Amino acid sequence: MRIEELKQKEVINTCNCKILGCADDIEFDICTGCIEAIIVPGPGKWCGLVCSDFEYVIPFKCIVQVGPDIILVKVDEKEVRNKIKV
């Protein structure tokens, strides 16, 4: 799968069935080349559109399943929430 294909998938938390958003980026270990996490931007501050204060950094081990349209994850949203530094 290519990163571009990953960006088209909605990420859903199986703990509460909440849609977190669409995968936007990945983190990987430069030494091993292994994916460590997927990055999902948080909701926008103004009417859900304009930039967010945080993003979800979801560890690869928390991915339950990758389907044709969605990525299922099992996470505690408070633990994977990462404040964006401006």
PDB file of N, CA and C in Angstrom:
ATOM      1  N   MET A   1       0.843  -1.175   0.000  1.00  0.00           N
ATOM      2  CA  MET A   1       0.000   0.000   0.000  1.00  0.00           C
ATOM      3  C   MET A   1       0.891   1.242   0.000  1.00  0.00           C
ATOM      4  N   ARG A   2       0.492   2.228  -0.721  1.00  0.00           N
ATOM      5  CA  ARG A   2       1.214   3.500  -0.774  1.00  0.00           C
ATOM      6  C   ARG A   2       0.620   4.480   0.242  1.00  0.00           C
ATOM      7  N   ILE A   3       1.429   5.457   0.640  1.00  0.00           N
ATOM      8  CA  ILE A   3       0.955   6.465   1.600  1.00  0.00           C
ATOM      9  C   ILE A   3      -0.257   7.196   1.042  1.00  0.00           C
ATOM     10  N   GLU A   4      -0.267   7.453  -0.247  1.00  0.00           N
ATOM     11  CA  GLU A   4      -1.392   8.151  -0.874  1.00  0.00           C
ATOM     12  C   GLU A   4      -2.698   7.371  -0.687  1.00  0.00           C
ATOM     13  N   GLU A   5      -2.633   6.048  -0.761  1.00  0.00           N
ATOM     14  CA  GLU A   5      -3.814   5.212  -0.539  1.00  0.00           C
ATOM     15  C   GLU A   5      -4.236   5.272   0.931  1.00  0.00           C
ATOM     16  N   LEU A   6      -3.263   5.309   1.816  1.00  0.00           N
ATOM     17  CA  LEU A   6      -3.522   5.392   3.257  1.00  0.00           C
ATOM     18  C   LEU A   6      -4.280   6.678   3.603  1.00  0.00           C
ATOM     19  N   LYS A   7      -3.945   7.773   2.926  1.00  0.00           N
ATOM     20  CA  LYS A   7      -4.563   9.077   3.200  1.00  0.00           C
ATOM     21  C   LYS A   7      -6.050   9.112   2.864  1.00  0.00           C
ATOM     22  N   GLN A   8      -6.520   8.191   2.069  1.00  0.00           N
ATOM     23  CA  GLN A   8      -7.925   8.179   1.666  1.00  0.00           C
ATOM     24  C   GLN A   8      -8.801   7.371   2.612  1.00  0.00           C
ATOM     25  N   LYS A   9      -8.203   6.806   3.649  1.00  0.00           N
ATOM     26  CA  LYS A   9      -8.945   5.934   4.563  1.00  0.00           C
ATOM     27  C   LYS A   9      -9.301   6.668   5.864  1.00  0.00           C
ATOM     28  N   GLU A  10     -10.541   6.485   6.314  1.00  0.00           N
ATOM     29  CA  GLU A  10     -10.964   7.029   7.603  1.00  0.00           C
ATOM     30  C   GLU A  10     -10.451   6.132   8.716  1.00  0.00           C
ATOM     31  N   VAL A  11     -10.048   6.756   9.815  1.00  0.00           N
ATOM     32  CA  VAL A  11      -9.556   6.011  10.970  1.00  0.00           C
ATOM     33  C   VAL A  11     -10.666   5.995  12.022  1.00  0.00           C
ATOM     34  N   ILE A  12     -11.047   4.818  12.463  1.00  0.00           N
ATOM     35  CA  ILE A  12     -12.142   4.657  13.424  1.00  0.00           C
ATOM     36  C   ILE A  12     -11.621   3.936  14.662  1.00  0.00           C
ATOM     37  N   ASN A  13     -11.917   4.514  15.829  1.00  0.00           N
ATOM     38  CA  ASN A  13     -11.529   3.924  17.104  1.00  0.00           C
ATOM     39  C   ASN A  13     -12.569   2.869  17.482  1.00  0.00           C
ATOM     40  N   THR A  14     -12.151   1.623  17.621  1.00  0.00           N
ATOM     41  CA  THR A  14     -13.090   0.546  17.943  1.00  0.00           C
ATOM     42  C   THR A  14     -13.561   0.594  19.400  1.00  0.00           C
ATOM     43  N   CYS A  15     -12.865   1.353  20.249  1.00  0.00           N
ATOM     44  CA  CYS A  15     -13.266   1.448  21.664  1.00  0.00           C
ATOM     45  C   CYS A  15     -14.584   2.196  21.830  1.00  0.00           C
ATOM     46  N   ASN A  16     -14.810   3.213  20.974  1.00  0.00           N
ATOM     47  CA  ASN A  16     -16.031   4.015  21.111  1.00  0.00           C
ATOM     48  C   ASN A  16     -16.721   4.279  19.769  1.00  0.00           C
ATOM     49  N   CYS A  17     -16.246   3.639  18.717  1.00  0.00           N
ATOM     50  CA  CYS A  17     -16.795   3.766  17.358  1.00  0.00           C
ATOM     51  C   CYS A  17     -16.732   5.204  16.822  1.00  0.00           C
ATOM     52  N   LYS A  18     -15.791   5.987  17.314  1.00  0.00           N
ATOM     53  CA  LYS A  18     -15.646   7.381  16.902  1.00  0.00           C
ATOM     54  C   LYS A  18     -14.717   7.475  15.689  1.00  0.00           C
ATOM     55  N   ILE A  19     -15.124   8.299  14.732  1.00  0.00           N
ATOM     56  CA  ILE A  19     -14.275   8.573  13.581  1.00  0.00           C
ATOM     57  C   ILE A  19     -13.258   9.628  14.006  1.00  0.00           C
ATOM     58  N   LEU A  20     -11.981   9.284  13.931  1.00  0.00           N
ATOM     59  CA  LEU A  20     -10.931  10.207  14.337  1.00  0.00           C
ATOM     60  C   LEU A  20     -10.531  11.139  13.202  1.00  0.00           C
ATOM     61  N   GLY A  21     -10.755  10.735  11.990  1.00  0.00           N
ATOM     62  CA  GLY A  21     -10.377  11.519  10.814  1.00  0.00           C
ATOM     63  C   GLY A  21      -9.703  10.612   9.799  1.00  0.00           C
ATOM     64  N   CYS A  22      -9.037  11.212   8.843  1.00  0.00           N
ATOM     65  CA  CYS A  22      -8.330  10.445   7.823  1.00  0.00           C
ATOM     66  C   CYS A  22      -6.836  10.461   8.109  1.00  0.00           C
ATOM     67  N   ALA A  23      -6.207   9.334   7.875  1.00  0.00           N
ATOM     68  CA  ALA A  23      -4.760   9.247   8.053  1.00  0.00           C
ATOM     69  C   ALA A  23      -4.109  10.281   7.140  1.00  0.00           C
ATOM     70  N   ASP A  24      -3.125  11.002   7.683  1.00  0.00           N
ATOM     71  CA  ASP A  24      -2.501  12.082   6.916  1.00  0.00           C
ATOM     72  C   ASP A  24      -1.017  11.834   6.669  1.00  0.00           C
ATOM     73  N   ASP A  25      -0.382  11.094   7.558  1.00  0.00           N
ATOM     74  CA  ASP A  25       1.056  10.894   7.459  1.00  0.00           C
ATOM     75  C   ASP A  25       1.441   9.654   8.257  1.00  0.00           C
ATOM     76  N   ILE A  26       2.708   9.272   8.175  1.00  0.00           N
ATOM     77  CA  ILE A  26       3.220   8.163   8.972  1.00  0.00           C
ATOM     78  C   ILE A  26       4.524   8.583   9.638  1.00  0.00           C
ATOM     79  N   GLU A  27       4.848   7.902  10.732  1.00  0.00           N
ATOM     80  CA  GLU A  27       6.159   8.023  11.370  1.00  0.00           C
ATOM     81  C   GLU A  27       6.855   6.697  11.144  1.00  0.00           C
ATOM     82  N   PHE A  28       8.123   6.745  10.753  1.00  0.00           N
ATOM     83  CA  PHE A  28       8.846   5.489  10.610  1.00  0.00           C
ATOM     84  C   PHE A  28      10.249   5.634  11.165  1.00  0.00           C
ATOM     85  N   ASP A  29      10.809   4.493  11.535  1.00  0.00           N
ATOM     86  CA  ASP A  29      12.168   4.439  12.068  1.00  0.00           C
ATOM     87  C   ASP A  29      13.123   4.458  10.885  1.00  0.00           C
ATOM     88  N   ILE A  30      13.955   5.473  10.823  1.00  0.00           N
ATOM     89  CA  ILE A  30      14.861   5.634   9.685  1.00  0.00           C
ATOM     90  C   ILE A  30      15.901   4.516   9.617  1.00  0.00           C
ATOM     91  N   CYS A  31      16.243   3.930  10.754  1.00  0.00           N
ATOM     92  CA  CYS A  31      17.254   2.853  10.776  1.00  0.00           C
ATOM     93  C   CYS A  31      16.689   1.525  10.283  1.00  0.00           C
ATOM     94  N   THR A  32      15.474   1.188  10.723  1.00  0.00           N
ATOM     95  CA  THR A  32      14.883  -0.102  10.356  1.00  0.00           C
ATOM     96  C   THR A  32      13.943  -0.007   9.162  1.00  0.00           C
ATOM     97  N   GLY A  33      13.424   1.195   8.908  1.00  0.00           N
ATOM     98  CA  GLY A  33      12.455   1.367   7.829  1.00  0.00           C
ATOM     99  C   GLY A  33      11.063   0.919   8.209  1.00  0.00           C
ATOM    100  N   CYS A  34      10.854   0.570   9.489  1.00  0.00           N
ATOM    101  CA  CYS A  34       9.546   0.094   9.961  1.00  0.00           C
ATOM    102  C   CYS A  34       8.637   1.264  10.319  1.00  0.00           C
ATOM    103  N   ILE A  35       7.361   1.106  10.006  1.00  0.00           N
ATOM    104  CA  ILE A  35       6.365   2.113  10.381  1.00  0.00           C
ATOM    105  C   ILE A  35       6.144   2.032  11.881  1.00  0.00           C
ATOM    106  N   GLU A  36       6.215   3.177  12.554  1.00  0.00           N
ATOM    107  CA  GLU A  36       6.001   3.228  14.000  1.00  0.00           C
ATOM    108  C   GLU A  36       4.613   3.735  14.352  1.00  0.00           C
ATOM    109  N   ALA A  37       4.067   4.663  13.546  1.00  0.00           N
ATOM    110  CA  ALA A  37       2.757   5.241  13.873  1.00  0.00           C
ATOM    111  C   ALA A  37       2.130   5.868  12.639  1.00  0.00           C
ATOM    112  N   ILE A  38       0.802   6.008  12.685  1.00  0.00           N
ATOM    113  CA  ILE A  38       0.111   6.803  11.679  1.00  0.00           C
ATOM    114  C   ILE A  38      -0.321   8.100  12.353  1.00  0.00           C
ATOM    115  N   ILE A  39      -0.367   9.165  11.590  1.00  0.00           N
ATOM    116  CA  ILE A  39      -0.728  10.483  12.096  1.00  0.00           C
ATOM    117  C   ILE A  39      -2.094  10.868  11.527  1.00  0.00           C
ATOM    118  N   VAL A  40      -3.001  11.280  12.424  1.00  0.00           N
ATOM    119  CA  VAL A  40      -4.337  11.722  12.031  1.00  0.00           C
ATOM    120  C   VAL A  40      -4.542  13.124  12.603  1.00  0.00           C
ATOM    121  N   PRO A  41      -4.757  14.132  11.758  1.00  0.00           N
ATOM    122  CA  PRO A  41      -4.988  15.480  12.279  1.00  0.00           C
ATOM    123  C   PRO A  41      -6.258  15.528  13.116  1.00  0.00           C
ATOM    124  N   GLY A  42      -6.230  16.318  14.185  1.00  0.00           N
ATOM    125  CA  GLY A  42      -7.425  16.512  15.000  1.00  0.00           C
ATOM    126  C   GLY A  42      -8.419  17.387  14.260  1.00  0.00           C
ATOM    127  N   PRO A  43      -9.635  17.529  14.791  1.00  0.00           N
ATOM    128  CA  PRO A  43     -10.640  18.371  14.142  1.00  0.00           C
ATOM    129  C   PRO A  43     -10.214  19.832  14.156  1.00  0.00           C
ATOM    130  N   GLY A  44     -10.667  20.586  13.168  1.00  0.00           N
ATOM    131  CA  GLY A  44     -10.349  22.009  13.080  1.00  0.00           C
ATOM    132  C   GLY A  44     -10.974  22.805  14.213  1.00  0.00           C
ATOM    133  N   LYS A  45     -10.368  23.938  14.532  1.00  0.00           N
ATOM    134  CA  LYS A  45     -10.842  24.777  15.644  1.00  0.00           C
ATOM    135  C   LYS A  45     -12.071  25.601  15.272  1.00  0.00           C
ATOM    136  N   TRP A  46     -12.172  25.997  14.038  1.00  0.00           N
ATOM    137  CA  TRP A  46     -13.256  26.894  13.628  1.00  0.00           C
ATOM    138  C   TRP A  46     -14.188  26.171  12.671  1.00  0.00           C
ATOM    139  N   CYS A  47     -15.356  25.824  13.123  1.00  0.00           N
ATOM    140  CA  CYS A  47     -16.360  25.096  12.333  1.00  0.00           C
ATOM    141  C   CYS A  47     -15.800  23.792  11.754  1.00  0.00           C
ATOM    142  N   GLY A  48     -14.812  23.224  12.431  1.00  0.00           N
ATOM    143  CA  GLY A  48     -14.232  21.968  11.973  1.00  0.00           C
ATOM    144  C   GLY A  48     -13.363  22.094  10.735  1.00  0.00           C
ATOM    145  N   LEU A  49     -13.015  23.322  10.353  1.00  0.00           N
ATOM    146  CA  LEU A  49     -12.280  23.507   9.105  1.00  0.00           C
ATOM    147  C   LEU A  49     -10.855  24.028   9.274  1.00  0.00           C
ATOM    148  N   VAL A  50     -10.662  25.026  10.093  1.00  0.00           N
ATOM    149  CA  VAL A  50      -9.372  25.692  10.197  1.00  0.00           C
ATOM    150  C   VAL A  50      -8.483  24.955  11.192  1.00  0.00           C
ATOM    151  N   CYS A  51      -7.194  24.899  10.920  1.00  0.00           N
ATOM    152  CA  CYS A  51      -6.174  24.159  11.665  1.00  0.00           C
ATOM    153  C   CYS A  51      -6.561  23.700  13.073  1.00  0.00           C
ATOM    154  N   SER A  52      -5.940  22.628  13.471  1.00  0.00           N
ATOM    155  CA  SER A  52      -6.234  21.993  14.749  1.00  0.00           C
ATOM    156  C   SER A  52      -5.132  22.265  15.767  1.00  0.00           C
ATOM    157  N   ASP A  53      -5.463  22.092  17.042  1.00  0.00           N
ATOM    158  CA  ASP A  53      -4.492  22.242  18.122  1.00  0.00           C
ATOM    159  C   ASP A  53      -3.669  20.977  18.324  1.00  0.00           C
ATOM    160  N   PHE A  54      -4.186  19.854  17.854  1.00  0.00           N
ATOM    161  CA  PHE A  54      -3.541  18.579  18.139  1.00  0.00           C
ATOM    162  C   PHE A  54      -3.688  17.614  16.972  1.00  0.00           C
ATOM    163  N   GLU A  55      -2.950  16.525  17.085  1.00  0.00           N
ATOM    164  CA  GLU A  55      -3.063  15.428  16.138  1.00  0.00           C
ATOM    165  C   GLU A  55      -3.026  14.129  16.933  1.00  0.00           C
ATOM    166  N   TYR A  56      -3.543  13.080  16.336  1.00  0.00           N
ATOM    167  CA  TYR A  56      -3.461  11.761  16.952  1.00  0.00           C
ATOM    168  C   TYR A  56      -2.241  11.051  16.369  1.00  0.00           C
ATOM    169  N   VAL A  57      -1.355  10.576  17.230  1.00  0.00           N
ATOM    170  CA  VAL A  57      -0.207   9.775  16.808  1.00  0.00           C
ATOM    171  C   VAL A  57      -0.508   8.362  17.288  1.00  0.00           C
ATOM    172  N   ILE A  58      -0.952   7.535  16.374  1.00  0.00           N
ATOM    173  CA  ILE A  58      -1.442   6.195  16.706  1.00  0.00           C
ATOM    174  C   ILE A  58      -0.361   5.157  16.424  1.00  0.00           C
ATOM    175  N   PRO A  59       0.140   4.509  17.481  1.00  0.00           N
ATOM    176  CA  PRO A  59       1.185   3.493  17.283  1.00  0.00           C
ATOM    177  C   PRO A  59       0.712   2.372  16.355  1.00  0.00           C
ATOM    178  N   PHE A  60       1.632   1.872  15.563  1.00  0.00           N
ATOM    179  CA  PHE A  60       1.319   0.814  14.603  1.00  0.00           C
ATOM    180  C   PHE A  60       0.702  -0.399  15.285  1.00  0.00           C
ATOM    181  N   LYS A  61       1.161  -0.704  16.509  1.00  0.00           N
ATOM    182  CA  LYS A  61       0.643  -1.876  17.229  1.00  0.00           C
ATOM    183  C   LYS A  61      -0.834  -1.725  17.600  1.00  0.00           C
ATOM    184  N   CYS A  62      -1.378  -0.496  17.538  1.00  0.00           N
ATOM    185  CA  CYS A  62      -2.784  -0.248  17.891  1.00  0.00           C
ATOM    186  C   CYS A  62      -3.721  -0.389  16.694  1.00  0.00           C
ATOM    187  N   ILE A  63      -3.168  -0.628  15.522  1.00  0.00           N
ATOM    188  CA  ILE A  63      -4.001  -0.840  14.333  1.00  0.00           C
ATOM    189  C   ILE A  63      -4.567  -2.250  14.397  1.00  0.00           C
ATOM    190  N   VAL A  64      -5.895  -2.339  14.381  1.00  0.00           N
ATOM    191  CA  VAL A  64      -6.581  -3.625  14.456  1.00  0.00           C
ATOM    192  C   VAL A  64      -6.715  -4.234  13.066  1.00  0.00           C
ATOM    193  N   GLN A  65      -7.138  -3.397  12.102  1.00  0.00           N
ATOM    194  CA  GLN A  65      -7.354  -3.901  10.746  1.00  0.00           C
ATOM    195  C   GLN A  65      -7.332  -2.740   9.758  1.00  0.00           C
ATOM    196  N   VAL A  66      -6.806  -3.017   8.578  1.00  0.00           N
ATOM    197  CA  VAL A  66      -6.837  -2.046   7.488  1.00  0.00           C
ATOM    198  C   VAL A  66      -7.730  -2.637   6.413  1.00  0.00           C
ATOM    199  N   GLY A  67      -8.823  -1.928   6.128  1.00  0.00           N
ATOM    200  CA  GLY A  67      -9.761  -2.379   5.113  1.00  0.00           C
ATOM    201  C   GLY A  67      -9.644  -1.530   3.866  1.00  0.00           C
ATOM    202  N   PRO A  68     -10.515  -1.774   2.884  1.00  0.00           N
ATOM    203  CA  PRO A  68     -10.450  -1.016   1.636  1.00  0.00           C
ATOM    204  C   PRO A  68     -10.775   0.479   1.818  1.00  0.00           C
ATOM    205  N   ASP A  69     -11.595   0.811   2.818  1.00  0.00           N
ATOM    206  CA  ASP A  69     -12.006   2.206   3.017  1.00  0.00           C
ATOM    207  C   ASP A  69     -11.674   2.769   4.393  1.00  0.00           C
ATOM    208  N   ILE A  70     -11.411   1.904   5.364  1.00  0.00           N
ATOM    209  CA  ILE A  70     -11.191   2.367   6.738  1.00  0.00           C
ATOM    210  C   ILE A  70     -10.010   1.674   7.397  1.00  0.00           C
ATOM    211  N   ILE A  71      -9.527   2.312   8.452  1.00  0.00           N
ATOM    212  CA  ILE A  71      -8.503   1.727   9.304  1.00  0.00           C
ATOM    213  C   ILE A  71      -9.104   1.659  10.700  1.00  0.00           C
ATOM    214  N   LEU A  72      -9.189   0.458  11.260  1.00  0.00           N
ATOM    215  CA  LEU A  72      -9.708   0.290  12.609  1.00  0.00           C
ATOM    216  C   LEU A  72      -8.551   0.295  13.595  1.00  0.00           C
ATOM    217  N   VAL A  73      -8.681   1.115  14.647  1.00  0.00           N
ATOM    218  CA  VAL A  73      -7.643   1.190  15.672  1.00  0.00           C
ATOM    219  C   VAL A  73      -8.288   1.014  17.040  1.00  0.00           C
ATOM    220  N   LYS A  74      -7.492   0.587  17.999  1.00  0.00           N
ATOM    221  CA  LYS A  74      -7.971   0.441  19.370  1.00  0.00           C
ATOM    222  C   LYS A  74      -7.035   1.263  20.241  1.00  0.00           C
ATOM    223  N   VAL A  75      -7.510   2.478  20.619  1.00  0.00           N
ATOM    224  CA  VAL A  75      -6.657   3.408  21.367  1.00  0.00           C
ATOM    225  C   VAL A  75      -7.445   4.158  22.432  1.00  0.00           C
ATOM    226  N   ASP A  76      -6.710   4.636  23.421  1.00  0.00           N
ATOM    227  CA  ASP A  76      -7.239   5.606  24.369  1.00  0.00           C
ATOM    228  C   ASP A  76      -6.873   6.961  23.770  1.00  0.00           C
ATOM    229  N   GLU A  77      -7.872   7.713  23.333  1.00  0.00           N
ATOM    230  CA  GLU A  77      -7.623   8.955  22.603  1.00  0.00           C
ATOM    231  C   GLU A  77      -6.776   9.952  23.391  1.00  0.00           C
ATOM    232  N   LYS A  78      -6.914   9.961  24.708  1.00  0.00           N
ATOM    233  CA  LYS A  78      -6.114  10.882  25.528  1.00  0.00           C
ATOM    234  C   LYS A  78      -4.633  10.541  25.453  1.00  0.00           C
ATOM    235  N   GLU A  79      -4.320   9.259  25.336  1.00  0.00           N
ATOM    236  CA  GLU A  79      -2.920   8.823  25.309  1.00  0.00           C
ATOM    237  C   GLU A  79      -2.243   9.080  23.967  1.00  0.00           C
ATOM    238  N   VAL A  80      -2.994   9.074  22.878  1.00  0.00           N
ATOM    239  CA  VAL A  80      -2.392   9.253  21.553  1.00  0.00           C
ATOM    240  C   VAL A  80      -2.506  10.683  21.031  1.00  0.00           C
ATOM    241  N   ARG A  81      -3.116  11.545  21.830  1.00  0.00           N
ATOM    242  CA  ARG A  81      -3.277  12.938  21.444  1.00  0.00           C
ATOM    243  C   ARG A  81      -1.949  13.681  21.621  1.00  0.00           C
ATOM    244  N   ASN A  82      -1.522  14.389  20.589  1.00  0.00           N
ATOM    245  CA  ASN A  82      -0.241  15.076  20.605  1.00  0.00           C
ATOM    246  C   ASN A  82      -0.466  16.541  20.254  1.00  0.00           C
ATOM    247  N   LYS A  83      -0.078  17.451  21.161  1.00  0.00           N
ATOM    248  CA  LYS A  83      -0.249  18.880  20.930  1.00  0.00           C
ATOM    249  C   LYS A  83       0.674  19.337  19.800  1.00  0.00           C
ATOM    250  N   ILE A  84       0.142  20.119  18.883  1.00  0.00           N
ATOM    251  CA  ILE A  84       0.923  20.648  17.781  1.00  0.00           C
ATOM    252  C   ILE A  84       1.615  21.926  18.215  1.00  0.00           C
ATOM    253  N   LYS A  85       2.908  21.975  17.988  1.00  0.00           N
ATOM    254  CA  LYS A  85       3.685  23.167  18.331  1.00  0.00           C
ATOM    255  C   LYS A  85       3.683  24.114  17.152  1.00  0.00           C
ATOM    256  N   VAL A  86       3.317  25.355  17.406  1.00  0.00           N
ATOM    257  CA  VAL A  86       3.247  26.345  16.323  1.00  0.00           C
ATOM    258  C   VAL A  86       4.455  27.242  16.334  1.00  0.00           C
TER     259      VAL A  86
END
